[in-house]
Every structure is written in C-alpha cells, then in structure tokens.
Amino acid sequence: IENHVFPDPQVLKAISDHRVVLLKADLTQKDAAGWPLLKKL
C-alpha cells in the first residue's frame, strides 16, 4: 500500500484536495499505543 497506492499521483492530488491528514501507527511492539484503536476498528 505504501509503495503502490499512496504514491500514485491521483491519490496525492485527492489527499491534497480533501485536506487529508495522514497518520501511521507503528505496531511493531505488542504494547504499542495504536493497538487498542486497531482492535476497536
């Protein structure tokens, strides 16, 4: 996804047009802060 979807020029334009804020959660640790939200979603 990081290498093929997000770098696409159409996606970059849509992200800009929609004023999207991108956040990426690092889940490499079992106690990472993003796990509760991932489990909720």
Full PDB file with SEQRES, HELIX, SHEET, SSBOND, CRYST1, ORIGX, SCALE, CONECT and MASTER records, all heavy atoms in Angstrom:
SEQRES   1 A   41  ILE GLU ASN HIS VAL PHE PRO ASP PRO GLN VAL LEU LYS          
SEQRES   2 A   41  ALA ILE SER ASP HIS ARG VAL VAL LEU LEU LYS ALA ASP          
SEQRES   3 A   41  LEU THR GLN LYS ASP ALA ALA GLY TRP PRO LEU LEU LYS          
SEQRES   4 A   41  LYS LEU                                                      
HELIX    1 AA1 PRO A    9  ASP A   17  1                                   9    
HELIX    2 AA2 TRP A   35  LYS A   40  1                                   6    
CRYST1    1.000    1.000    1.000  90.00  90.00  90.00 P 1           1          
ORIGX1      1.000000  0.000000  0.000000        0.00000                         
ORIGX2      0.000000  1.000000  0.000000        0.00000                         
ORIGX3      0.000000  0.000000  1.000000        0.00000                         
SCALE1      1.000000  0.000000  0.000000        0.00000                         
SCALE2      0.000000  1.000000  0.000000        0.00000                         
SCALE3      0.000000  0.000000  1.000000        0.00000                         
ATOM      1  N   ILE A   1       0.841  -1.199   0.000  1.00  0.00           N  
ATOM      2  CA  ILE A   1       0.000   0.000   0.000  1.00  0.00           C  
ATOM      3  C   ILE A   1       0.881   1.256   0.000  1.00  0.00           C  
ATOM      4  O   ILE A   1       0.656   2.189  -0.766  1.00  0.00           O  
ATOM      5  CB  ILE A   1      -0.939   0.016   1.218  1.00  0.00           C  
ATOM      6  CG1 ILE A   1      -1.835  -1.226   1.233  1.00  0.00           C  
ATOM      7  CG2 ILE A   1      -1.765   1.294   1.279  1.00  0.00           C  
ATOM      8  CD1 ILE A   1      -2.768  -1.372   0.083  1.00  0.00           C  
ATOM      9  N   GLU A   2       1.891   1.259   0.867  1.00  0.00           N  
ATOM     10  CA  GLU A   2       2.794   2.413   0.953  1.00  0.00           C  
ATOM     11  C   GLU A   2       3.546   2.652  -0.351  1.00  0.00           C  
ATOM     12  O   GLU A   2       3.782   3.803  -0.724  1.00  0.00           O  
ATOM     13  CB  GLU A   2       3.813   2.199   2.061  1.00  0.00           C  
ATOM     14  CG  GLU A   2       3.243   2.293   3.440  1.00  0.00           C  
ATOM     15  CD  GLU A   2       4.305   2.050   4.494  1.00  0.00           C  
ATOM     16  OE1 GLU A   2       5.444   2.522   4.315  1.00  0.00           O  
ATOM     17  OE2 GLU A   2       3.984   1.394   5.480  1.00  0.00           O  
ATOM     18  N   ASN A   3       3.922   1.584  -1.018  1.00  0.00           N  
ATOM     19  CA  ASN A   3       4.750   1.717  -2.221  1.00  0.00           C  
ATOM     20  C   ASN A   3       3.966   1.869  -3.516  1.00  0.00           C  
ATOM     21  O   ASN A   3       4.513   2.391  -4.495  1.00  0.00           O  
ATOM     22  CB  ASN A   3       5.680   0.508  -2.342  1.00  0.00           C  
ATOM     23  CG  ASN A   3       6.718   0.480  -1.250  1.00  0.00           C  
ATOM     24  OD1 ASN A   3       7.144   1.513  -0.755  1.00  0.00           O  
ATOM     25  ND2 ASN A   3       7.116  -0.712  -0.851  1.00  0.00           N  
ATOM     26  N   HIS A   4       2.707   1.416  -3.548  1.00  0.00           N  
ATOM     27  CA  HIS A   4       1.978   1.415  -4.813  1.00  0.00           C  
ATOM     28  C   HIS A   4       0.694   2.241  -4.824  1.00  0.00           C  
ATOM     29  O   HIS A   4       0.291   2.706  -5.884  1.00  0.00           O  
ATOM     30  CB  HIS A   4       1.639  -0.017  -5.234  1.00  0.00           C  
ATOM     31  CG  HIS A   4       2.848  -0.875  -5.456  1.00  0.00           C  
ATOM     32  ND1 HIS A   4       3.877  -0.513  -6.292  1.00  0.00           N  
ATOM     33  CD2 HIS A   4       3.206  -2.069  -4.940  1.00  0.00           C  
ATOM     34  CE1 HIS A   4       4.803  -1.439  -6.297  1.00  0.00           C  
ATOM     35  NE2 HIS A   4       4.433  -2.398  -5.464  1.00  0.00           N  
ATOM     36  N   VAL A   5       0.046   2.397  -3.677  1.00  0.00           N  
ATOM     37  CA  VAL A   5      -1.230   3.124  -3.660  1.00  0.00           C  
ATOM     38  C   VAL A   5      -1.012   4.590  -3.286  1.00  0.00           C  
ATOM     39  O   VAL A   5      -1.395   5.483  -4.030  1.00  0.00           O  
ATOM     40  CB  VAL A   5      -2.235   2.444  -2.702  1.00  0.00           C  
ATOM     41  CG1 VAL A   5      -3.511   3.268  -2.588  1.00  0.00           C  
ATOM     42  CG2 VAL A   5      -2.560   1.030  -3.191  1.00  0.00           C  
ATOM     43  N   PHE A   6      -0.390   4.842  -2.141  1.00  0.00           N  
ATOM     44  CA  PHE A   6      -0.243   6.228  -1.670  1.00  0.00           C  
ATOM     45  C   PHE A   6       0.614   7.109  -2.572  1.00  0.00           C  
ATOM     46  O   PHE A   6       0.328   8.298  -2.703  1.00  0.00           O  
ATOM     47  CB  PHE A   6       0.252   6.260  -0.226  1.00  0.00           C  
ATOM     48  CG  PHE A   6      -0.864   6.013   0.762  1.00  0.00           C  
ATOM     49  CD1 PHE A   6      -1.079   4.758   1.285  1.00  0.00           C  
ATOM     50  CD2 PHE A   6      -1.700   7.041   1.141  1.00  0.00           C  
ATOM     51  CE1 PHE A   6      -2.111   4.525   2.176  1.00  0.00           C  
ATOM     52  CE2 PHE A   6      -2.740   6.828   2.030  1.00  0.00           C  
ATOM     53  CZ  PHE A   6      -2.944   5.563   2.555  1.00  0.00           C  
ATOM     54  N   PRO A   7       1.654   6.607  -3.231  1.00  0.00           N  
ATOM     55  CA  PRO A   7       2.448   7.484  -4.110  1.00  0.00           C  
ATOM     56  C   PRO A   7       1.789   7.813  -5.454  1.00  0.00           C  
ATOM     57  O   PRO A   7       2.291   8.657  -6.183  1.00  0.00           O  
ATOM     58  CB  PRO A   7       3.731   6.692  -4.368  1.00  0.00           C  
ATOM     59  CG  PRO A   7       3.748   5.579  -3.397  1.00  0.00           C  
ATOM     60  CD  PRO A   7       2.336   5.331  -3.008  1.00  0.00           C  
ATOM     61  N   ASP A   8       0.673   7.172  -5.773  1.00  0.00           N  
ATOM     62  CA  ASP A   8       0.008   7.416  -7.048  1.00  0.00           C  
ATOM     63  C   ASP A   8      -0.360   8.898  -7.157  1.00  0.00           C  
ATOM     64  O   ASP A   8      -0.919   9.469  -6.207  1.00  0.00           O  
ATOM     65  CB  ASP A   8      -1.251   6.545  -7.145  1.00  0.00           C  
ATOM     66  CG  ASP A   8      -1.934   6.687  -8.475  1.00  0.00           C  
ATOM     67  OD1 ASP A   8      -2.606   7.719  -8.705  1.00  0.00           O  
ATOM     68  OD2 ASP A   8      -1.817   5.766  -9.304  1.00  0.00           O  
ATOM     69  N   PRO A   9      -0.071   9.540  -8.290  1.00  0.00           N  
ATOM     70  CA  PRO A   9      -0.381  10.971  -8.449  1.00  0.00           C  
ATOM     71  C   PRO A   9      -1.852  11.308  -8.201  1.00  0.00           C  
ATOM     72  O   PRO A   9      -2.153  12.371  -7.635  1.00  0.00           O  
ATOM     73  CB  PRO A   9       0.020  11.271  -9.894  1.00  0.00           C  
ATOM     74  CG  PRO A   9       1.057  10.247 -10.226  1.00  0.00           C  
ATOM     75  CD  PRO A   9       0.653   9.012  -9.455  1.00  0.00           C  
ATOM     76  N   GLN A  10      -2.769  10.430  -8.590  1.00  0.00           N  
ATOM     77  CA  GLN A  10      -4.197  10.686  -8.350  1.00  0.00           C  
ATOM     78  C   GLN A  10      -4.496  10.693  -6.851  1.00  0.00           C  
ATOM     79  O   GLN A  10      -5.292  11.509  -6.369  1.00  0.00           O  
ATOM     80  CB  GLN A  10      -5.051   9.622  -9.026  1.00  0.00           C  
ATOM     81  CG  GLN A  10      -5.025   9.650 -10.529  1.00  0.00           C  
ATOM     82  CD  GLN A  10      -5.858   8.516 -11.081  1.00  0.00           C  
ATOM     83  OE1 GLN A  10      -7.010   8.343 -10.717  1.00  0.00           O  
ATOM     84  NE2 GLN A  10      -5.261   7.714 -11.941  1.00  0.00           N  
ATOM     85  N   VAL A  11      -3.882   9.783  -6.125  1.00  0.00           N  
ATOM     86  CA  VAL A  11      -4.088   9.713  -4.684  1.00  0.00           C  
ATOM     87  C   VAL A  11      -3.481  10.944  -4.019  1.00  0.00           C  
ATOM     88  O   VAL A  11      -4.117  11.566  -3.154  1.00  0.00           O  
ATOM     89  CB  VAL A  11      -3.489   8.415  -4.095  1.00  0.00           C  
ATOM     90  CG1 VAL A  11      -3.474   8.456  -2.574  1.00  0.00           C  
ATOM     91  CG2 VAL A  11      -4.264   7.203  -4.593  1.00  0.00           C  
ATOM     92  N   LEU A  12      -2.284  11.328  -4.410  1.00  0.00           N  
ATOM     93  CA  LEU A  12      -1.654  12.510  -3.832  1.00  0.00           C  
ATOM     94  C   LEU A  12      -2.502  13.760  -4.067  1.00  0.00           C  
ATOM     95  O   LEU A  12      -2.655  14.594  -3.168  1.00  0.00           O  
ATOM     96  CB  LEU A  12      -0.248  12.699  -4.414  1.00  0.00           C  
ATOM     97  CG  LEU A  12       0.763  11.618  -4.047  1.00  0.00           C  
ATOM     98  CD1 LEU A  12       2.062  11.828  -4.815  1.00  0.00           C  
ATOM     99  CD2 LEU A  12       1.000  11.575  -2.554  1.00  0.00           C  
ATOM    100  N   LYS A  13      -3.093  13.870  -5.250  1.00  0.00           N  
ATOM    101  CA  LYS A  13      -3.968  15.014  -5.537  1.00  0.00           C  
ATOM    102  C   LYS A  13      -5.222  14.969  -4.673  1.00  0.00           C  
ATOM    103  O   LYS A  13      -5.634  15.979  -4.103  1.00  0.00           O  
ATOM    104  CB  LYS A  13      -4.342  15.042  -7.017  1.00  0.00           C  
ATOM    105  CG  LYS A  13      -5.212  16.237  -7.383  1.00  0.00           C  
ATOM    106  CD  LYS A  13      -5.480  16.303  -8.852  1.00  0.00           C  
ATOM    107  CE  LYS A  13      -6.320  17.458  -9.310  1.00  0.00           C  
ATOM    108  NZ  LYS A  13      -7.183  18.126  -8.397  1.00  0.00           N  
ATOM    109  N   ALA A  14      -5.836  13.790  -4.556  1.00  0.00           N  
ATOM    110  CA  ALA A  14      -7.045  13.659  -3.735  1.00  0.00           C  
ATOM    111  C   ALA A  14      -6.752  13.958  -2.271  1.00  0.00           C  
ATOM    112  O   ALA A  14      -7.557  14.608  -1.588  1.00  0.00           O  
ATOM    113  CB  ALA A  14      -7.631  12.252  -3.888  1.00  0.00           C  
ATOM    114  N   ILE A  15      -5.604  13.500  -1.773  1.00  0.00           N  
ATOM    115  CA  ILE A  15      -5.215  13.789  -0.394  1.00  0.00           C  
ATOM    116  C   ILE A  15      -5.090  15.295  -0.192  1.00  0.00           C  
ATOM    117  O   ILE A  15      -5.579  15.843   0.797  1.00  0.00           O  
ATOM    118  CB  ILE A  15      -3.907  13.047  -0.045  1.00  0.00           C  
ATOM    119  CG1 ILE A  15      -4.192  11.550   0.122  1.00  0.00           C  
ATOM    120  CG2 ILE A  15      -3.252  13.631   1.197  1.00  0.00           C  
ATOM    121  CD1 ILE A  15      -2.955  10.690   0.237  1.00  0.00           C  
ATOM    122  N   SER A  16      -4.490  15.973  -1.153  1.00  0.00           N  
ATOM    123  CA  SER A  16      -4.361  17.424  -1.070  1.00  0.00           C  
ATOM    124  C   SER A  16      -5.716  18.109  -1.198  1.00  0.00           C  
ATOM    125  O   SER A  16      -6.056  18.991  -0.396  1.00  0.00           O  
ATOM    126  CB  SER A  16      -3.415  17.916  -2.168  1.00  0.00           C  
ATOM    127  OG  SER A  16      -3.346  19.320  -2.173  1.00  0.00           O  
ATOM    128  N   ASP A  17      -6.503  17.703  -2.185  1.00  0.00           N  
ATOM    129  CA  ASP A  17      -7.807  18.325  -2.433  1.00  0.00           C  
ATOM    130  C   ASP A  17      -8.745  18.187  -1.234  1.00  0.00           C  
ATOM    131  O   ASP A  17      -9.516  19.095  -0.926  1.00  0.00           O  
ATOM    132  CB  ASP A  17      -8.478  17.717  -3.666  1.00  0.00           C  
ATOM    133  CG  ASP A  17      -7.797  18.098  -4.966  1.00  0.00           C  
ATOM    134  OD1 ASP A  17      -6.915  18.988  -4.959  1.00  0.00           O  
ATOM    135  OD2 ASP A  17      -8.133  17.472  -6.002  1.00  0.00           O  
ATOM    136  N   HIS A  18      -8.697  17.021  -0.577  1.00  0.00           N  
ATOM    137  CA  HIS A  18      -9.588  16.754   0.559  1.00  0.00           C  
ATOM    138  C   HIS A  18      -8.975  17.185   1.894  1.00  0.00           C  
ATOM    139  O   HIS A  18      -9.581  16.986   2.940  1.00  0.00           O  
ATOM    140  CB  HIS A  18      -9.950  15.268   0.615  1.00  0.00           C  
ATOM    141  CG  HIS A  18     -10.836  14.819  -0.503  1.00  0.00           C  
ATOM    142  ND1 HIS A  18     -12.178  15.109  -0.566  1.00  0.00           N  
ATOM    143  CD2 HIS A  18     -10.574  14.091  -1.612  1.00  0.00           C  
ATOM    144  CE1 HIS A  18     -12.700  14.585  -1.652  1.00  0.00           C  
ATOM    145  NE2 HIS A  18     -11.740  13.964  -2.311  1.00  0.00           N  
ATOM    146  N   ARG A  19      -7.766  17.757   1.823  1.00  0.00           N  
ATOM    147  CA  ARG A  19      -7.054  18.216   3.022  1.00  0.00           C  
ATOM    148  C   ARG A  19      -6.943  17.102   4.063  1.00  0.00           C  
ATOM    149  O   ARG A  19      -7.238  17.286   5.233  1.00  0.00           O  
ATOM    150  CB  ARG A  19      -7.709  19.461   3.595  1.00  0.00           C  
ATOM    151  CG  ARG A  19      -7.709  20.586   2.586  1.00  0.00           C  
ATOM    152  CD  ARG A  19      -8.267  21.874   3.052  1.00  0.00           C  
ATOM    153  NE  ARG A  19      -9.072  21.784   4.263  1.00  0.00           N  
ATOM    154  CZ  ARG A  19      -9.854  22.736   4.690  1.00  0.00           C  
ATOM    155  NH1 ARG A  19      -9.969  23.841   4.024  1.00  0.00           N  
ATOM    156  NH2 ARG A  19     -10.543  22.595   5.803  1.00  0.00           N  
ATOM    157  N   VAL A  20      -6.490  15.957   3.604  1.00  0.00           N  
ATOM    158  CA  VAL A  20      -6.356  14.778   4.451  1.00  0.00           C  
ATOM    159  C   VAL A  20      -5.108  14.889   5.318  1.00  0.00           C  
ATOM    160  O   VAL A  20      -4.056  15.326   4.856  1.00  0.00           O  
ATOM    161  CB  VAL A  20      -6.271  13.502   3.572  1.00  0.00           C  
ATOM    162  CG1 VAL A  20      -5.945  12.274   4.399  1.00  0.00           C  
ATOM    163  CG2 VAL A  20      -7.567  13.302   2.798  1.00  0.00           C  
ATOM    164  N   VAL A  21      -5.254  14.490   6.556  1.00  0.00           N  
ATOM    165  CA  VAL A  21      -4.121  14.368   7.473  1.00  0.00           C  
ATOM    166  C   VAL A  21      -3.808  12.884   7.574  1.00  0.00           C  
ATOM    167  O   VAL A  21      -4.665  12.086   7.945  1.00  0.00           O  
ATOM    168  CB  VAL A  21      -4.463  14.942   8.864  1.00  0.00           C  
ATOM    169  CG1 VAL A  21      -3.308  14.709   9.834  1.00  0.00           C  
ATOM    170  CG2 VAL A  21      -4.810  16.412   8.762  1.00  0.00           C  
ATOM    171  N   LEU A  22      -2.597  12.505   7.204  1.00  0.00           N  
ATOM    172  CA  LEU A  22      -2.190  11.103   7.240  1.00  0.00           C  
ATOM    173  C   LEU A  22      -1.506  10.795   8.566  1.00  0.00           C  
ATOM    174  O   LEU A  22      -0.624  11.532   9.005  1.00  0.00           O  
ATOM    175  CB  LEU A  22      -1.220  10.799   6.100  1.00  0.00           C  
ATOM    176  CG  LEU A  22      -1.758  11.007   4.685  1.00  0.00           C  
ATOM    177  CD1 LEU A  22      -0.631  10.840   3.676  1.00  0.00           C  
ATOM    178  CD2 LEU A  22      -2.874  10.031   4.405  1.00  0.00           C  
ATOM    179  N   LEU A  23      -1.909   9.701   9.183  1.00  0.00           N  
ATOM    180  CA  LEU A  23      -1.277   9.212  10.407  1.00  0.00           C  
ATOM    181  C   LEU A  23      -0.950   7.751  10.208  1.00  0.00           C  
ATOM    182  O   LEU A  23      -1.756   6.998   9.657  1.00  0.00           O  
ATOM    183  CB  LEU A  23      -2.214   9.361  11.605  1.00  0.00           C  
ATOM    184  CG  LEU A  23      -2.672  10.771  11.948  1.00  0.00           C  
ATOM    185  CD1 LEU A  23      -3.740  10.725  13.026  1.00  0.00           C  
ATOM    186  CD2 LEU A  23      -1.508  11.608  12.415  1.00  0.00           C  
ATOM    187  N   LYS A  24       0.208   7.359  10.668  1.00  0.00           N  
ATOM    188  CA  LYS A  24       0.619   5.961  10.559  1.00  0.00           C  
ATOM    189  C   LYS A  24       0.976   5.465  11.948  1.00  0.00           C  
ATOM    190  O   LYS A  24       1.783   6.086  12.648  1.00  0.00           O  
ATOM    191  CB  LYS A  24       1.823   5.838   9.621  1.00  0.00           C  
ATOM    192  CG  LYS A  24       2.315   4.428   9.446  1.00  0.00           C  
ATOM    193  CD  LYS A  24       3.509   4.408   8.510  1.00  0.00           C  
ATOM    194  CE  LYS A  24       4.078   3.019   8.407  1.00  0.00           C  
ATOM    195  NZ  LYS A  24       5.271   2.990   7.564  1.00  0.00           N  
ATOM    196  N   ALA A  25       0.386   4.359  12.347  1.00  0.00           N  
ATOM    197  CA  ALA A  25       0.675   3.780  13.657  1.00  0.00           C  
ATOM    198  C   ALA A  25       1.749   2.709  13.519  1.00  0.00           C  
ATOM    199  O   ALA A  25       1.666   1.844  12.654  1.00  0.00           O  
ATOM    200  CB  ALA A  25      -0.595   3.169  14.244  1.00  0.00           C  
ATOM    201  N   ASP A  26       2.731   2.787  14.374  1.00  0.00           N  
ATOM    202  CA  ASP A  26       3.782   1.781  14.439  1.00  0.00           C  
ATOM    203  C   ASP A  26       3.328   0.703  15.420  1.00  0.00           C  
ATOM    204  O   ASP A  26       3.203   0.946  16.616  1.00  0.00           O  
ATOM    205  CB  ASP A  26       5.081   2.425  14.912  1.00  0.00           C  
ATOM    206  CG  ASP A  26       6.229   1.430  15.038  1.00  0.00           C  
ATOM    207  OD1 ASP A  26       6.009   0.222  14.805  1.00  0.00           O  
ATOM    208  OD2 ASP A  26       7.340   1.864  15.364  1.00  0.00           O  
ATOM    209  N   LEU A  27       3.060  -0.476  14.902  1.00  0.00           N  
ATOM    210  CA  LEU A  27       2.562  -1.574  15.728  1.00  0.00           C  
ATOM    211  C   LEU A  27       3.585  -2.688  15.875  1.00  0.00           C  
ATOM    212  O   LEU A  27       3.226  -3.843  16.097  1.00  0.00           O  
ATOM    213  CB  LEU A  27       1.262  -2.128  15.122  1.00  0.00           C  
ATOM    214  CG  LEU A  27       0.132  -1.115  14.986  1.00  0.00           C  
ATOM    215  CD1 LEU A  27      -1.035  -1.703  14.204  1.00  0.00           C  
ATOM    216  CD2 LEU A  27      -0.327  -0.641  16.346  1.00  0.00           C  
ATOM    217  N   THR A  28       4.847  -2.339  15.788  1.00  0.00           N  
ATOM    218  CA  THR A  28       5.882  -3.360  15.864  1.00  0.00           C  
ATOM    219  C   THR A  28       6.030  -3.927  17.275  1.00  0.00           C  
ATOM    220  O   THR A  28       6.509  -5.042  17.434  1.00  0.00           O  
ATOM    221  CB  THR A  28       7.244  -2.838  15.374  1.00  0.00           C  
ATOM    222  OG1 THR A  28       7.570  -1.646  16.086  1.00  0.00           O  
ATOM    223  CG2 THR A  28       7.204  -2.541  13.881  1.00  0.00           C  
ATOM    224  N   GLN A  29       5.622  -3.179  18.291  1.00  0.00           N  
ATOM    225  CA  GLN A  29       5.682  -3.659  19.673  1.00  0.00           C  
ATOM    226  C   GLN A  29       4.301  -4.123  20.122  1.00  0.00           C  
ATOM    227  O   GLN A  29       3.290  -3.526  19.749  1.00  0.00           O  
ATOM    228  CB  GLN A  29       6.180  -2.542  20.607  1.00  0.00           C  
ATOM    229  CG  GLN A  29       7.535  -1.979  20.249  1.00  0.00           C  
ATOM    230  CD  GLN A  29       8.640  -3.008  20.388  1.00  0.00           C  
ATOM    231  OE1 GLN A  29       8.652  -3.795  21.325  1.00  0.00           O  
ATOM    232  NE2 GLN A  29       9.562  -3.014  19.434  1.00  0.00           N  
ATOM    233  N   LYS A  30       4.246  -5.166  20.928  1.00  0.00           N  
ATOM    234  CA  LYS A  30       2.961  -5.699  21.396  1.00  0.00           C  
ATOM    235  C   LYS A  30       2.193  -4.713  22.268  1.00  0.00           C  
ATOM    236  O   LYS A  30       0.980  -4.807  22.370  1.00  0.00           O  
ATOM    237  CB  LYS A  30       3.182  -6.999  22.156  1.00  0.00           C  
ATOM    238  CG  LYS A  30       3.608  -8.122  21.254  1.00  0.00           C  
ATOM    239  CD  LYS A  30       3.734  -9.423  22.002  1.00  0.00           C  
ATOM    240  CE  LYS A  30       4.179 -10.498  21.010  1.00  0.00           C  
ATOM    241  NZ  LYS A  30       4.184 -11.816  21.583  1.00  0.00           N  
ATOM    242  N   ASP A  31       2.901  -3.773  22.897  1.00  0.00           N  
ATOM    243  CA  ASP A  31       2.240  -2.789  23.748  1.00  0.00           C  
ATOM    244  C   ASP A  31       2.162  -1.402  23.101  1.00  0.00           C  
ATOM    245  O   ASP A  31       1.987  -0.398  23.778  1.00  0.00           O  
ATOM    246  CB  ASP A  31       2.932  -2.706  25.104  1.00  0.00           C  
ATOM    247  CG  ASP A  31       4.380  -2.238  25.007  1.00  0.00           C  
ATOM    248  OD1 ASP A  31       4.939  -2.215  23.878  1.00  0.00           O  
ATOM    249  OD2 ASP A  31       4.961  -1.902  26.051  1.00  0.00           O  
ATOM    250  N   ALA A  32       2.277  -1.353  21.775  1.00  0.00           N  
ATOM    251  CA  ALA A  32       2.234  -0.077  21.053  1.00  0.00           C  
ATOM    252  C   ALA A  32       0.894   0.618  21.282  1.00  0.00           C  
ATOM    253  O   ALA A  32      -0.155  -0.019  21.401  1.00  0.00           O  
ATOM    254  CB  ALA A  32       2.460  -0.299  19.562  1.00  0.00           C  
ATOM    255  N   ALA A  33       0.935   1.935  21.333  1.00  0.00           N  
ATOM    256  CA  ALA A  33      -0.259   2.744  21.628  1.00  0.00           C  
ATOM    257  C   ALA A  33      -1.374   2.581  20.601  1.00  0.00           C  
ATOM    258  O   ALA A  33      -2.539   2.807  20.913  1.00  0.00           O  
ATOM    259  CB  ALA A  33       0.141   4.214  21.734  1.00  0.00           C  
ATOM    260  N   GLY A  34      -1.049   2.172  19.378  1.00  0.00           N  
ATOM    261  CA  GLY A  34      -2.066   2.049  18.331  1.00  0.00           C  
ATOM    262  C   GLY A  34      -2.905   0.794  18.395  1.00  0.00           C  
ATOM    263  O   GLY A  34      -3.950   0.695  17.746  1.00  0.00           O  
ATOM    264  N   TRP A  35      -2.489  -0.222  19.160  1.00  0.00           N  
ATOM    265  CA  TRP A  35      -3.227  -1.492  19.200  1.00  0.00           C  
ATOM    266  C   TRP A  35      -4.676  -1.359  19.665  1.00  0.00           C  
ATOM    267  O   TRP A  35      -5.567  -1.959  19.044  1.00  0.00           O  
ATOM    268  CB  TRP A  35      -2.490  -2.530  20.040  1.00  0.00           C  
ATOM    269  CG  TRP A  35      -1.382  -3.195  19.293  1.00  0.00           C  
ATOM    270  CD1 TRP A  35      -0.040  -3.054  19.520  1.00  0.00           C  
ATOM    271  CD2 TRP A  35      -1.497  -4.089  18.191  1.00  0.00           C  
ATOM    272  NE1 TRP A  35       0.680  -3.800  18.618  1.00  0.00           N  
ATOM    273  CE2 TRP A  35      -0.197  -4.449  17.792  1.00  0.00           C  
ATOM    274  CE3 TRP A  35      -2.571  -4.607  17.477  1.00  0.00           C  
ATOM    275  CZ2 TRP A  35       0.058  -5.306  16.733  1.00  0.00           C  
ATOM    276  CZ3 TRP A  35      -2.318  -5.469  16.414  1.00  0.00           C  
ATOM    277  CH2 TRP A  35      -1.027  -5.812  16.054  1.00  0.00           C  
ATOM    278  N   PRO A  36      -4.994  -0.603  20.718  1.00  0.00           N  
ATOM    279  CA  PRO A  36      -6.399  -0.504  21.130  1.00  0.00           C  
ATOM    280  C   PRO A  36      -7.314   0.035  20.026  1.00  0.00           C  
ATOM    281  O   PRO A  36      -8.419  -0.473  19.824  1.00  0.00           O  
ATOM    282  CB  PRO A  36      -6.349   0.430  22.346  1.00  0.00           C  
ATOM    283  CG  PRO A  36      -4.985   0.230  22.904  1.00  0.00           C  
ATOM    284  CD  PRO A  36      -4.103   0.038  21.688  1.00  0.00           C  
ATOM    285  N   LEU A  37      -6.862   1.053  19.300  1.00  0.00           N  
ATOM    286  CA  LEU A  37      -7.697   1.591  18.222  1.00  0.00           C  
ATOM    287  C   LEU A  37      -7.831   0.578  17.093  1.00  0.00           C  
ATOM    288  O   LEU A  37      -8.919   0.398  16.535  1.00  0.00           O  
ATOM    289  CB  LEU A  37      -7.137   2.913  17.692  1.00  0.00           C  
ATOM    290  CG  LEU A  37      -7.930   3.553  16.546  1.00  0.00           C  
ATOM    291  CD1 LEU A  37      -9.390   3.802  16.941  1.00  0.00           C  
ATOM    292  CD2 LEU A  37      -7.263   4.842  16.103  1.00  0.00           C  
ATOM    293  N   LEU A  38      -6.750  -0.107  16.744  1.00  0.00           N  
ATOM    294  CA  LEU A  38      -6.830  -1.125  15.699  1.00  0.00           C  
ATOM    295  C   LEU A  38      -7.834  -2.199  16.090  1.00  0.00           C  
ATOM    296  O   LEU A  38      -8.679  -2.594  15.285  1.00  0.00           O  
ATOM    297  CB  LEU A  38      -5.466  -1.754  15.428  1.00  0.00           C  
ATOM    298  CG  LEU A  38      -5.465  -2.907  14.418  1.00  0.00           C  
ATOM    299  CD1 LEU A  38      -5.905  -2.424  13.036  1.00  0.00           C  
ATOM    300  CD2 LEU A  38      -4.111  -3.564  14.348  1.00  0.00           C  
ATOM    301  N   LYS A  39      -7.787  -2.663  17.325  1.00  0.00           N  
ATOM    302  CA  LYS A  39      -8.722  -3.698  17.792  1.00  0.00           C  
ATOM    303  C   LYS A  39     -10.159  -3.178  17.788  1.00  0.00           C  
ATOM    304  O   LYS A  39     -11.091  -3.924  17.500  1.00  0.00           O  
ATOM    305  CB  LYS A  39      -8.346  -4.171  19.190  1.00  0.00           C  
ATOM    306  CG  LYS A  39      -7.044  -4.907  19.246  1.00  0.00           C  
ATOM    307  CD  LYS A  39      -7.179  -6.291  18.707  1.00  0.00           C  
ATOM    308  CE  LYS A  39      -5.899  -7.067  18.972  1.00  0.00           C  
ATOM    309  NZ  LYS A  39      -5.995  -8.422  18.580  1.00  0.00           N  
ATOM    310  N   LYS A  40     -10.333  -1.887  18.091  1.00  0.00           N  
ATOM    311  CA  LYS A  40     -11.676  -1.298  18.058  1.00  0.00           C  
ATOM    312  C   LYS A  40     -12.209  -1.264  16.624  1.00  0.00           C  
ATOM    313  O   LYS A  40     -13.364  -1.592  16.367  1.00  0.00           O  
ATOM    314  CB  LYS A  40     -11.653   0.115  18.642  1.00  0.00           C  
ATOM    315  CG  LYS A  40     -12.991   0.812  18.604  1.00  0.00           C  
ATOM    316  CD  LYS A  40     -12.878   2.220  19.147  1.00  0.00           C  
ATOM    317  CE  LYS A  40     -14.202   2.940  18.937  1.00  0.00           C  
ATOM    318  NZ  LYS A  40     -14.109   4.356  19.210  1.00  0.00           N  
ATOM    319  N   LEU A  41     -11.355  -0.857  15.686  1.00  0.00           N  
ATOM    320  CA  LEU A  41     -11.776  -0.751  14.289  1.00  0.00           C  
ATOM    321  C   LEU A  41     -11.894  -2.117  13.622  1.00  0.00           C  
ATOM    322  O   LEU A  41     -12.781  -2.342  12.806  1.00  0.00           O  
ATOM    323  CB  LEU A  41     -10.784   0.113  13.504  1.00  0.00           C  
ATOM    324  CG  LEU A  41     -10.734   1.582  13.875  1.00  0.00           C  
ATOM    325  CD1 LEU A  41      -9.593   2.272  13.150  1.00  0.00           C  
ATOM    326  CD2 LEU A  41     -12.054   2.262  13.582  1.00  0.00           C  
TER     327      LEU A  41                                                      
MASTER        0    0    0    2    0    0    0    6  326    1    0    4          
END                                                                             
